[in-house]
Amino acid sequence: MTPEEQKELGIEPHLRELARACYRLLDLISFFTTGEDETRAWTIPSGSTAKRAGRAIHSDFEEKFIRAEVIFWEDLLKAGSHARARTLGLLRTEGKDYIVKNGDVIEFRI
């Protein structure tokens, strides 16, 4: 179905609502990773630690976890870059027991 057909049938807004309802029902959250070439969202159970969140990417991230640099996505957008966010003191270093929050942008150190 084309985007125009979806809009005509009113499907698009309802798909977003359905996805949000499913996340709430299943108690899931999303965190992000970002790099030069790609920004990606990862889905994990709510209450997951940073170490456990690393497993969503690759088992090595969980097994070899050292620390995570974390910033909330809106703060990163306002800063404009990781480098600027670091200069502004917006990046936090978190350990393996940090509970990931919905919307966190995480750079894993392994």
PDB file of N, CA and C in Angstrom:
ATOM      1  N   MET A   1       0.843  -1.165   0.000  1.00  0.00           N
ATOM      2  CA  MET A   1       0.000   0.000   0.000  1.00  0.00           C
ATOM      3  C   MET A   1       0.901   1.244   0.000  1.00  0.00           C
ATOM      4  N   THR A   2       0.598   2.183  -0.860  1.00  0.00           N
ATOM      5  CA  THR A   2       1.403   3.400  -0.955  1.00  0.00           C
ATOM      6  C   THR A   2       1.122   4.320   0.240  1.00  0.00           C
ATOM      7  N   PRO A   3       2.047   5.239   0.522  1.00  0.00           N
ATOM      8  CA  PRO A   3       1.798   6.201   1.607  1.00  0.00           C
ATOM      9  C   PRO A   3       0.529   7.022   1.378  1.00  0.00           C
ATOM     10  N   GLU A   4       0.257   7.336   0.123  1.00  0.00           N
ATOM     11  CA  GLU A   4      -0.950   8.106  -0.183  1.00  0.00           C
ATOM     12  C   GLU A   4      -2.205   7.301   0.146  1.00  0.00           C
ATOM     13  N   GLU A   5      -2.182   6.011  -0.185  1.00  0.00           N
ATOM     14  CA  GLU A   5      -3.330   5.149   0.122  1.00  0.00           C
ATOM     15  C   GLU A   5      -3.503   5.004   1.632  1.00  0.00           C
ATOM     16  N   GLN A   6      -2.395   4.880   2.342  1.00  0.00           N
ATOM     17  CA  GLN A   6      -2.469   4.784   3.799  1.00  0.00           C
ATOM     18  C   GLN A   6      -3.079   6.045   4.392  1.00  0.00           C
ATOM     19  N   LYS A   7      -2.637   7.198   3.895  1.00  0.00           N
ATOM     20  CA  LYS A   7      -3.161   8.462   4.403  1.00  0.00           C
ATOM     21  C   LYS A   7      -4.648   8.588   4.097  1.00  0.00           C
ATOM     22  N   GLU A   8      -5.023   8.209   2.883  1.00  0.00           N
ATOM     23  CA  GLU A   8      -6.422   8.286   2.472  1.00  0.00           C
ATOM     24  C   GLU A   8      -7.311   7.417   3.363  1.00  0.00           C
ATOM     25  N   LEU A   9      -6.809   6.274   3.766  1.00  0.00           N
ATOM     26  CA  LEU A   9      -7.584   5.358   4.604  1.00  0.00           C
ATOM     27  C   LEU A   9      -7.413   5.631   6.100  1.00  0.00           C
ATOM     28  N   GLY A  10      -6.556   6.584   6.440  1.00  0.00           N
ATOM     29  CA  GLY A  10      -6.345   6.920   7.843  1.00  0.00           C
ATOM     30  C   GLY A  10      -5.567   5.871   8.607  1.00  0.00           C
ATOM     31  N   ILE A  11      -4.750   5.096   7.911  1.00  0.00           N
ATOM     32  CA  ILE A  11      -4.018   3.999   8.548  1.00  0.00           C
ATOM     33  C   ILE A  11      -2.788   4.494   9.288  1.00  0.00           C
ATOM     34  N   GLU A  12      -2.045   5.419   8.720  1.00  0.00           N
ATOM     35  CA  GLU A  12      -0.760   5.837   9.288  1.00  0.00           C
ATOM     36  C   GLU A  12      -0.852   6.267  10.748  1.00  0.00           C
ATOM     37  N   PRO A  13      -1.730   7.196  11.112  1.00  0.00           N
ATOM     38  CA  PRO A  13      -1.783   7.596  12.523  1.00  0.00           C
ATOM     39  C   PRO A  13      -2.115   6.425  13.447  1.00  0.00           C
ATOM     40  N   HIS A  14      -2.937   5.520  12.972  1.00  0.00           N
ATOM     41  CA  HIS A  14      -3.333   4.388  13.804  1.00  0.00           C
ATOM     42  C   HIS A  14      -2.212   3.371  13.953  1.00  0.00           C
ATOM     43  N   LEU A  15      -1.339   3.261  12.967  1.00  0.00           N
ATOM     44  CA  LEU A  15      -0.199   2.358  13.090  1.00  0.00           C
ATOM     45  C   LEU A  15       0.725   2.816  14.211  1.00  0.00           C
ATOM     46  N   ARG A  16       0.946   4.106  14.296  1.00  0.00           N
ATOM     47  CA  ARG A  16       1.780   4.639  15.377  1.00  0.00           C
ATOM     48  C   ARG A  16       1.148   4.363  16.736  1.00  0.00           C
ATOM     49  N   GLU A  17      -0.161   4.591  16.821  1.00  0.00           N
ATOM     50  CA  GLU A  17      -0.870   4.331  18.072  1.00  0.00           C
ATOM     51  C   GLU A  17      -0.787   2.856  18.441  1.00  0.00           C
ATOM     52  N   LEU A  18      -0.950   1.983  17.451  1.00  0.00           N
ATOM     53  CA  LEU A  18      -0.876   0.546  17.687  1.00  0.00           C
ATOM     54  C   LEU A  18       0.517   0.149  18.178  1.00  0.00           C
ATOM     55  N   ALA A  19       1.553   0.683  17.536  1.00  0.00           N
ATOM     56  CA  ALA A  19       2.922   0.369  17.950  1.00  0.00           C
ATOM     57  C   ALA A  19       3.169   0.828  19.385  1.00  0.00           C
ATOM     58  N   ARG A  20       2.724   2.025  19.725  1.00  0.00           N
ATOM     59  CA  ARG A  20       2.906   2.530  21.098  1.00  0.00           C
ATOM     60  C   ARG A  20       2.149   1.671  22.105  1.00  0.00           C
ATOM     61  N   ALA A  21       0.931   1.271  21.742  1.00  0.00           N
ATOM     62  CA  ALA A  21       0.139   0.419  22.636  1.00  0.00           C
ATOM     63  C   ALA A  21       0.815  -0.932  22.837  1.00  0.00           C
ATOM     64  N   CYS A  22       1.380  -1.486  21.780  1.00  0.00           N
ATOM     65  CA  CYS A  22       2.086  -2.772  21.887  1.00  0.00           C
ATOM     66  C   CYS A  22       3.306  -2.645  22.793  1.00  0.00           C
ATOM     67  N   TYR A  23       4.060  -1.576  22.640  1.00  0.00           N
ATOM     68  CA  TYR A  23       5.228  -1.357  23.508  1.00  0.00           C
ATOM     69  C   TYR A  23       4.792  -1.282  24.971  1.00  0.00           C
ATOM     70  N   ARG A  24       3.704  -0.541  25.233  1.00  0.00           N
ATOM     71  CA  ARG A  24       3.216  -0.430  26.616  1.00  0.00           C
ATOM     72  C   ARG A  24       2.756  -1.788  27.136  1.00  0.00           C
ATOM     73  N   LEU A  25       1.978  -2.503  26.341  1.00  0.00           N
ATOM     74  CA  LEU A  25       1.443  -3.800  26.747  1.00  0.00           C
ATOM     75  C   LEU A  25       2.554  -4.807  27.015  1.00  0.00           C
ATOM     76  N   LEU A  26       3.583  -4.798  26.171  1.00  0.00           N
ATOM     77  CA  LEU A  26       4.691  -5.741  26.303  1.00  0.00           C
ATOM     78  C   LEU A  26       5.802  -5.218  27.211  1.00  0.00           C
ATOM     79  N   ASP A  27       5.630  -4.001  27.726  1.00  0.00           N
ATOM     80  CA  ASP A  27       6.600  -3.363  28.624  1.00  0.00           C
ATOM     81  C   ASP A  27       7.979  -3.273  27.969  1.00  0.00           C
ATOM     82  N   LEU A  28       8.000  -2.683  26.769  1.00  0.00           N
ATOM     83  CA  LEU A  28       9.232  -2.521  26.001  1.00  0.00           C
ATOM     84  C   LEU A  28       9.606  -1.048  25.905  1.00  0.00           C
ATOM     85  N   ILE A  29      10.890  -0.800  25.708  1.00  0.00           N
ATOM     86  CA  ILE A  29      11.384   0.551  25.451  1.00  0.00           C
ATOM     87  C   ILE A  29      12.363   0.492  24.285  1.00  0.00           C
ATOM     88  N   SER A  30      12.745   1.661  23.800  1.00  0.00           N
ATOM     89  CA  SER A  30      13.754   1.750  22.739  1.00  0.00           C
ATOM     90  C   SER A  30      14.914   2.608  23.209  1.00  0.00           C
ATOM     91  N   PHE A  31      16.110   2.179  22.828  1.00  0.00           N
ATOM     92  CA  PHE A  31      17.288   3.023  22.991  1.00  0.00           C
ATOM     93  C   PHE A  31      17.945   3.122  21.623  1.00  0.00           C
ATOM     94  N   PHE A  32      18.861   4.057  21.473  1.00  0.00           N
ATOM     95  CA  PHE A  32      19.479   4.317  20.181  1.00  0.00           C
ATOM     96  C   PHE A  32      20.989   4.174  20.243  1.00  0.00           C
ATOM     97  N   THR A  33      21.549   3.785  19.108  1.00  0.00           N
ATOM     98  CA  THR A  33      22.985   3.878  18.884  1.00  0.00           C
ATOM     99  C   THR A  33      23.150   4.739  17.644  1.00  0.00           C
ATOM    100  N   THR A  34      24.232   5.482  17.607  1.00  0.00           N
ATOM    101  CA  THR A  34      24.452   6.347  16.458  1.00  0.00           C
ATOM    102  C   THR A  34      25.937   6.401  16.133  1.00  0.00           C
ATOM    103  N   GLY A  35      26.210   6.512  14.858  1.00  0.00           N
ATOM    104  CA  GLY A  35      27.582   6.603  14.388  1.00  0.00           C
ATOM    105  C   GLY A  35      27.632   7.474  13.156  1.00  0.00           C
ATOM    106  N   GLU A  36      28.754   7.460  12.482  1.00  0.00           N
ATOM    107  CA  GLU A  36      28.910   8.288  11.287  1.00  0.00           C
ATOM    108  C   GLU A  36      27.942   7.887  10.184  1.00  0.00           C
ATOM    109  N   ASP A  37      27.706   6.591  10.035  1.00  0.00           N
ATOM    110  CA  ASP A  37      26.915   6.099   8.911  1.00  0.00           C
ATOM    111  C   ASP A  37      25.480   5.746   9.255  1.00  0.00           C
ATOM    112  N   GLU A  38      25.173   5.552  10.534  1.00  0.00           N
ATOM    113  CA  GLU A  38      23.869   4.985  10.854  1.00  0.00           C
ATOM    114  C   GLU A  38      23.428   5.363  12.261  1.00  0.00           C
ATOM    115  N   THR A  39      22.142   5.609  12.388  1.00  0.00           N
ATOM    116  CA  THR A  39      21.493   5.718  13.688  1.00  0.00           C
ATOM    117  C   THR A  39      20.438   4.634  13.718  1.00  0.00           C
ATOM    118  N   ARG A  40      20.370   3.912  14.837  1.00  0.00           N
ATOM    119  CA  ARG A  40      19.470   2.766  14.886  1.00  0.00           C
ATOM    120  C   ARG A  40      18.776   2.700  16.241  1.00  0.00           C
ATOM    121  N   ALA A  41      17.512   2.285  16.218  1.00  0.00           N
ATOM    122  CA  ALA A  41      16.750   2.047  17.442  1.00  0.00           C
ATOM    123  C   ALA A  41      16.785   0.559  17.761  1.00  0.00           C
ATOM    124  N   TRP A  42      16.892   0.256  19.053  1.00  0.00           N
ATOM    125  CA  TRP A  42      16.909  -1.121  19.543  1.00  0.00           C
ATOM    126  C   TRP A  42      15.799  -1.267  20.571  1.00  0.00           C
ATOM    127  N   THR A  43      15.085  -2.365  20.522  1.00  0.00           N
ATOM    128  CA  THR A  43      13.985  -2.620  21.444  1.00  0.00           C
ATOM    129  C   THR A  43      14.439  -3.601  22.520  1.00  0.00           C
ATOM    130  N   ILE A  44      14.166  -3.239  23.776  1.00  0.00           N
ATOM    131  CA  ILE A  44      14.535  -4.084  24.914  1.00  0.00           C
ATOM    132  C   ILE A  44      13.408  -4.047  25.948  1.00  0.00           C
ATOM    133  N   PRO A  45      13.368  -5.021  26.854  1.00  0.00           N
ATOM    134  CA  PRO A  45      12.387  -4.963  27.942  1.00  0.00           C
ATOM    135  C   PRO A  45      12.669  -3.775  28.864  1.00  0.00           C
ATOM    136  N   SER A  46      11.613  -3.131  29.315  1.00  0.00           N
ATOM    137  CA  SER A  46      11.751  -2.052  30.284  1.00  0.00           C
ATOM    138  C   SER A  46      12.446  -2.597  31.527  1.00  0.00           C
ATOM    139  N   GLY A  47      13.309  -1.804  32.132  1.00  0.00           N
ATOM    140  CA  GLY A  47      14.043  -2.235  33.318  1.00  0.00           C
ATOM    141  C   GLY A  47      15.361  -2.923  33.016  1.00  0.00           C
ATOM    142  N   SER A  48      15.724  -3.008  31.730  1.00  0.00           N
ATOM    143  CA  SER A  48      16.985  -3.659  31.349  1.00  0.00           C
ATOM    144  C   SER A  48      18.180  -2.812  31.757  1.00  0.00           C
ATOM    145  N   THR A  49      19.236  -3.492  32.167  1.00  0.00           N
ATOM    146  CA  THR A  49      20.487  -2.809  32.485  1.00  0.00           C
ATOM    147  C   THR A  49      21.232  -2.486  31.191  1.00  0.00           C
ATOM    148  N   ALA A  50      22.212  -1.608  31.307  1.00  0.00           N
ATOM    149  CA  ALA A  50      23.036  -1.263  30.140  1.00  0.00           C
ATOM    150  C   ALA A  50      23.733  -2.502  29.597  1.00  0.00           C
ATOM    151  N   LYS A  51      24.219  -3.334  30.492  1.00  0.00           N
ATOM    152  CA  LYS A  51      24.903  -4.561  30.065  1.00  0.00           C
ATOM    153  C   LYS A  51      23.957  -5.458  29.273  1.00  0.00           C
ATOM    154  N   ARG A  52      22.728  -5.627  29.758  1.00  0.00           N
ATOM    155  CA  ARG A  52      21.732  -6.455  29.069  1.00  0.00           C
ATOM    156  C   ARG A  52      21.323  -5.811  27.743  1.00  0.00           C
ATOM    157  N   ALA A  53      21.233  -4.497  27.708  1.00  0.00           N
ATOM    158  CA  ALA A  53      20.871  -3.800  26.472  1.00  0.00           C
ATOM    159  C   ALA A  53      21.908  -4.054  25.388  1.00  0.00           C
ATOM    160  N   GLY A  54      23.168  -4.169  25.789  1.00  0.00           N
ATOM    161  CA  GLY A  54      24.219  -4.461  24.823  1.00  0.00           C
ATOM    162  C   GLY A  54      23.979  -5.750  24.068  1.00  0.00           C
ATOM    163  N   ARG A  55      23.333  -6.711  24.727  1.00  0.00           N
ATOM    164  CA  ARG A  55      23.046  -7.995  24.076  1.00  0.00           C
ATOM    165  C   ARG A  55      22.114  -7.821  22.872  1.00  0.00           C
ATOM    166  N   ALA A  56      21.278  -6.789  22.888  1.00  0.00           N
ATOM    167  CA  ALA A  56      20.390  -6.549  21.747  1.00  0.00           C
ATOM    168  C   ALA A  56      21.199  -6.301  20.479  1.00  0.00           C
ATOM    169  N   ILE A  57      22.400  -5.763  20.643  1.00  0.00           N
ATOM    170  CA  ILE A  57      23.270  -5.465  19.508  1.00  0.00           C
ATOM    171  C   ILE A  57      24.093  -6.691  19.137  1.00  0.00           C
ATOM    172  N   HIS A  58      24.774  -7.256  20.133  1.00  0.00           N
ATOM    173  CA  HIS A  58      25.610  -8.451  19.901  1.00  0.00           C
ATOM    174  C   HIS A  58      25.991  -9.012  21.265  1.00  0.00           C
ATOM    175  N   SER A  59      26.091 -10.321  21.364  1.00  0.00           N
ATOM    176  CA  SER A  59      26.419 -10.947  22.655  1.00  0.00           C
ATOM    177  C   SER A  59      27.751 -10.447  23.215  1.00  0.00           C
ATOM    178  N   ASP A  60      28.694 -10.078  22.351  1.00  0.00           N
ATOM    179  CA  ASP A  60      29.977  -9.536  22.819  1.00  0.00           C
ATOM    180  C   ASP A  60      29.790  -8.261  23.634  1.00  0.00           C
ATOM    181  N   PHE A  61      28.785  -7.463  23.279  1.00  0.00           N
ATOM    182  CA  PHE A  61      28.553  -6.208  23.994  1.00  0.00           C
ATOM    183  C   PHE A  61      28.147  -6.480  25.434  1.00  0.00           C
ATOM    184  N   GLU A  62      27.436  -7.564  25.665  1.00  0.00           N
ATOM    185  CA  GLU A  62      27.073  -7.924  27.031  1.00  0.00           C
ATOM    186  C   GLU A  62      28.254  -8.574  27.747  1.00  0.00           C
ATOM    187  N   GLU A  63      28.900  -9.503  27.089  1.00  0.00           N
ATOM    188  CA  GLU A  63      29.985 -10.265  27.712  1.00  0.00           C
ATOM    189  C   GLU A  63      31.207  -9.405  28.025  1.00  0.00           C
ATOM    190  N   LYS A  64      31.513  -8.440  27.166  1.00  0.00           N
ATOM    191  CA  LYS A  64      32.734  -7.640  27.322  1.00  0.00           C
ATOM    192  C   LYS A  64      32.466  -6.204  27.775  1.00  0.00           C
ATOM    193  N   PHE A  65      31.270  -5.967  28.285  1.00  0.00           N
ATOM    194  CA  PHE A  65      30.854  -4.627  28.684  1.00  0.00           C
ATOM    195  C   PHE A  65      31.834  -4.017  29.684  1.00  0.00           C
ATOM    196  N   ILE A  66      32.251  -2.788  29.425  1.00  0.00           N
ATOM    197  CA  ILE A  66      33.079  -2.026  30.364  1.00  0.00           C
ATOM    198  C   ILE A  66      32.253  -0.878  30.944  1.00  0.00           C
ATOM    199  N   ARG A  67      31.719  -0.050  30.052  1.00  0.00           N
ATOM    200  CA  ARG A  67      30.891   1.082  30.473  1.00  0.00           C
ATOM    201  C   ARG A  67      30.087   1.567  29.272  1.00  0.00           C
ATOM    202  N   ALA A  68      29.185   2.512  29.537  1.00  0.00           N
ATOM    203  CA  ALA A  68      28.377   3.091  28.470  1.00  0.00           C
ATOM    204  C   ALA A  68      28.366   4.603  28.624  1.00  0.00           C
ATOM    205  N   GLU A  69      28.471   5.304  27.510  1.00  0.00           N
ATOM    206  CA  GLU A  69      28.275   6.750  27.508  1.00  0.00           C
ATOM    207  C   GLU A  69      26.839   6.981  27.074  1.00  0.00           C
ATOM    208  N   VAL A  70      26.094   7.725  27.890  1.00  0.00           N
ATOM    209  CA  VAL A  70      24.655   7.853  27.704  1.00  0.00           C
ATOM    210  C   VAL A  70      24.256   9.320  27.636  1.00  0.00           C
ATOM    211  N   ILE A  71      23.305   9.602  26.750  1.00  0.00           N
ATOM    212  CA  ILE A  71      22.684  10.919  26.655  1.00  0.00           C
ATOM    213  C   ILE A  71      21.257  10.704  26.173  1.00  0.00           C
ATOM    214  N   PHE A  72      20.327  11.529  26.620  1.00  0.00           N
ATOM    215  CA  PHE A  72      18.948  11.435  26.146  1.00  0.00           C
ATOM    216  C   PHE A  72      18.886  12.018  24.740  1.00  0.00           C
ATOM    217  N   TRP A  73      18.070  11.429  23.879  1.00  0.00           N
ATOM    218  CA  TRP A  73      18.070  11.804  22.461  1.00  0.00           C
ATOM    219  C   TRP A  73      17.798  13.287  22.248  1.00  0.00           C
ATOM    220  N   GLU A  74      16.891  13.888  23.024  1.00  0.00           N
ATOM    221  CA  GLU A  74      16.593  15.310  22.824  1.00  0.00           C
ATOM    222  C   GLU A  74      17.806  16.181  23.161  1.00  0.00           C
ATOM    223  N   ASP A  75      18.547  15.790  24.188  1.00  0.00           N
ATOM    224  CA  ASP A  75      19.751  16.539  24.560  1.00  0.00           C
ATOM    225  C   ASP A  75      20.813  16.449  23.471  1.00  0.00           C
ATOM    226  N   LEU A  76      20.937  15.273  22.853  1.00  0.00           N
ATOM    227  CA  LEU A  76      21.897  15.109  21.758  1.00  0.00           C
ATOM    228  C   LEU A  76      21.500  15.970  20.565  1.00  0.00           C
ATOM    229  N   LEU A  77      20.212  15.997  20.239  1.00  0.00           N
ATOM    230  CA  LEU A  77      19.762  16.840  19.124  1.00  0.00           C
ATOM    231  C   LEU A  77      20.037  18.314  19.396  1.00  0.00           C
ATOM    232  N   LYS A  78      19.767  18.752  20.612  1.00  0.00           N
ATOM    233  CA  LYS A  78      20.021  20.157  20.963  1.00  0.00           C
ATOM    234  C   LYS A  78      21.505  20.490  20.877  1.00  0.00           C
ATOM    235  N   ALA A  79      22.350  19.561  21.321  1.00  0.00           N
ATOM    236  CA  ALA A  79      23.802  19.787  21.283  1.00  0.00           C
ATOM    237  C   ALA A  79      24.323  19.766  19.854  1.00  0.00           C
ATOM    238  N   GLY A  80      23.736  18.933  19.007  1.00  0.00           N
ATOM    239  CA  GLY A  80      24.141  18.869  17.605  1.00  0.00           C
ATOM    240  C   GLY A  80      25.148  17.785  17.278  1.00  0.00           C
ATOM    241  N   SER A  81      25.901  17.325  18.276  1.00  0.00           N
ATOM    242  CA  SER A  81      26.876  16.259  18.048  1.00  0.00           C
ATOM    243  C   SER A  81      27.319  15.693  19.397  1.00  0.00           C
ATOM    244  N   HIS A  82      27.900  14.486  19.346  1.00  0.00           N
ATOM    245  CA  HIS A  82      28.451  13.905  20.568  1.00  0.00           C
ATOM    246  C   HIS A  82      29.581  14.781  21.118  1.00  0.00           C
ATOM    247  N   ALA A  83      30.411  15.303  20.222  1.00  0.00           N
ATOM    248  CA  ALA A  83      31.537  16.134  20.663  1.00  0.00           C
ATOM    249  C   ALA A  83      31.035  17.368  21.416  1.00  0.00           C
ATOM    250  N   ARG A  84      30.032  18.026  20.871  1.00  0.00           N
ATOM    251  CA  ARG A  84      29.475  19.222  21.528  1.00  0.00           C
ATOM    252  C   ARG A  84      28.796  18.834  22.839  1.00  0.00           C
ATOM    253  N   ALA A  85      28.081  17.711  22.842  1.00  0.00           N
ATOM    254  CA  ALA A  85      27.429  17.241  24.070  1.00  0.00           C
ATOM    255  C   ALA A  85      28.465  16.968  25.156  1.00  0.00           C
ATOM    256  N   ARG A  86      29.600  16.400  24.765  1.00  0.00           N
ATOM    257  CA  ARG A  86      30.680  16.127  25.719  1.00  0.00           C
ATOM    258  C   ARG A  86      31.217  17.448  26.288  1.00  0.00           C
ATOM    259  N   THR A  87      31.435  18.428  25.409  1.00  0.00           N
ATOM    260  CA  THR A  87      31.921  19.743  25.835  1.00  0.00           C
ATOM    261  C   THR A  87      30.947  20.400  26.814  1.00  0.00           C
ATOM    262  N   LEU A  88      29.648  20.217  26.565  1.00  0.00           N
ATOM    263  CA  LEU A  88      28.620  20.808  27.424  1.00  0.00           C
ATOM    264  C   LEU A  88      28.377  19.998  28.699  1.00  0.00           C
ATOM    265  N   GLY A  89      29.040  18.850  28.814  1.00  0.00           N
ATOM    266  CA  GLY A  89      28.868  18.008  29.998  1.00  0.00           C
ATOM    267  C   GLY A  89      27.565  17.233  30.029  1.00  0.00           C
ATOM    268  N   LEU A  90      26.996  16.974  28.856  1.00  0.00           N
ATOM    269  CA  LEU A  90      25.710  16.280  28.787  1.00  0.00           C
ATOM    270  C   LEU A  90      25.834  14.760  28.733  1.00  0.00           C
ATOM    271  N   LEU A  91      27.014  14.258  28.358  1.00  0.00           N
ATOM    272  CA  LEU A  91      27.221  12.809  28.309  1.00  0.00           C
ATOM    273  C   LEU A  91      27.520  12.296  29.712  1.00  0.00           C
ATOM    274  N   ARG A  92      26.904  11.169  30.041  1.00  0.00           N
ATOM    275  CA  ARG A  92      27.149  10.534  31.336  1.00  0.00           C
ATOM    276  C   ARG A  92      27.830   9.195  31.112  1.00  0.00           C
ATOM    277  N   THR A  93      28.745   8.837  31.982  1.00  0.00           N
ATOM    278  CA  THR A  93      29.347   7.512  31.957  1.00  0.00           C
ATOM    279  C   THR A  93      28.586   6.652  32.954  1.00  0.00           C
ATOM    280  N   GLU A  94      28.061   5.535  32.468  1.00  0.00           N
ATOM    281  CA  GLU A  94      27.260   4.642  33.303  1.00  0.00           C
ATOM    282  C   GLU A  94      27.876   3.252  33.320  1.00  0.00           C
ATOM    283  N   GLY A  95      27.644   2.531  34.394  1.00  0.00           N
ATOM    284  CA  GLY A  95      28.157   1.181  34.552  1.00  0.00           C
ATOM    285  C   GLY A  95      27.157   0.123  34.127  1.00  0.00           C
ATOM    286  N   LYS A  96      27.525  -1.126  34.373  1.00  0.00           N
ATOM    287  CA  LYS A  96      26.734  -2.264  33.904  1.00  0.00           C
ATOM    288  C   LYS A  96      25.350  -2.337  34.528  1.00  0.00           C
ATOM    289  N   ASP A  97      25.142  -1.752  35.704  1.00  0.00           N
ATOM    290  CA  ASP A  97      23.852  -1.835  36.382  1.00  0.00           C
ATOM    291  C   ASP A  97      22.924  -0.660  36.084  1.00  0.00           C
ATOM    292  N   TYR A  98      23.360   0.264  35.236  1.00  0.00           N
ATOM    293  CA  TYR A  98      22.513   1.401  34.857  1.00  0.00           C
ATOM    294  C   TYR A  98      21.241   0.884  34.191  1.00  0.00           C
ATOM    295  N   ILE A  99      20.090   1.379  34.619  1.00  0.00           N
ATOM    296  CA  ILE A  99      18.817   0.998  34.010  1.00  0.00           C
ATOM    297  C   ILE A  99      18.564   1.931  32.822  1.00  0.00           C
ATOM    298  N   VAL A 100      18.528   1.342  31.639  1.00  0.00           N
ATOM    299  CA  VAL A 100      18.346   2.104  30.401  1.00  0.00           C
ATOM    300  C   VAL A 100      16.952   2.724  30.386  1.00  0.00           C
ATOM    301  N   LYS A 101      16.893   3.974  29.963  1.00  0.00           N
ATOM    302  CA  LYS A 101      15.621   4.695  29.869  1.00  0.00           C
ATOM    303  C   LYS A 101      15.201   4.820  28.409  1.00  0.00           C
ATOM    304  N   ASN A 102      13.900   4.850  28.207  1.00  0.00           N
ATOM    305  CA  ASN A 102      13.361   5.011  26.867  1.00  0.00           C
ATOM    306  C   ASN A 102      13.895   6.310  26.262  1.00  0.00           C
ATOM    307  N   GLY A 103      14.540   6.203  25.101  1.00  0.00           N
ATOM    308  CA  GLY A 103      15.076   7.385  24.433  1.00  0.00           C
ATOM    309  C   GLY A 103      16.545   7.646  24.685  1.00  0.00           C
ATOM    310  N   ASP A 104      17.192   6.817  25.500  1.00  0.00           N
ATOM    311  CA  ASP A 104      18.633   6.973  25.705  1.00  0.00           C
ATOM    312  C   ASP A 104      19.385   6.708  24.407  1.00  0.00           C
ATOM    313  N   VAL A 105      20.444   7.468  24.190  1.00  0.00           N
ATOM    314  CA  VAL A 105      21.397   7.198  23.109  1.00  0.00           C
ATOM    315  C   VAL A 105      22.642   6.679  23.808  1.00  0.00           C
ATOM    316  N   ILE A 106      23.068   5.473  23.433  1.00  0.00           N
ATOM    317  CA  ILE A 106      24.143   4.806  24.159  1.00  0.00           C
ATOM    318  C   ILE A 106      25.302   4.478  23.233  1.00  0.00           C
ATOM    319  N   GLU A 107      26.503   4.784  23.715  1.00  0.00           N
ATOM    320  CA  GLU A 107      27.726   4.330  23.058  1.00  0.00           C
ATOM    321  C   GLU A 107      28.397   3.360  24.023  1.00  0.00           C
ATOM    322  N   PHE A 108      28.459   2.103  23.614  1.00  0.00           N
ATOM    323  CA  PHE A 108      29.005   1.051  24.471  1.00  0.00           C
ATOM    324  C   PHE A 108      30.517   1.005  24.364  1.00  0.00           C
ATOM    325  N   ARG A 109      31.169   0.790  25.499  1.00  0.00           N
ATOM    326  CA  ARG A 109      32.616   0.583  25.551  1.00  0.00           C
ATOM    327  C   ARG A 109      32.848  -0.867  25.953  1.00  0.00           C
ATOM    328  N   ILE A 110      33.501  -1.599  25.056  1.00  0.00           N
ATOM    329  CA  ILE A 110      33.789  -3.011  25.349  1.00  0.00           C
ATOM    330  C   ILE A 110      35.273  -3.263  25.210  1.00  0.00           C
TER     331      ILE A 110
END
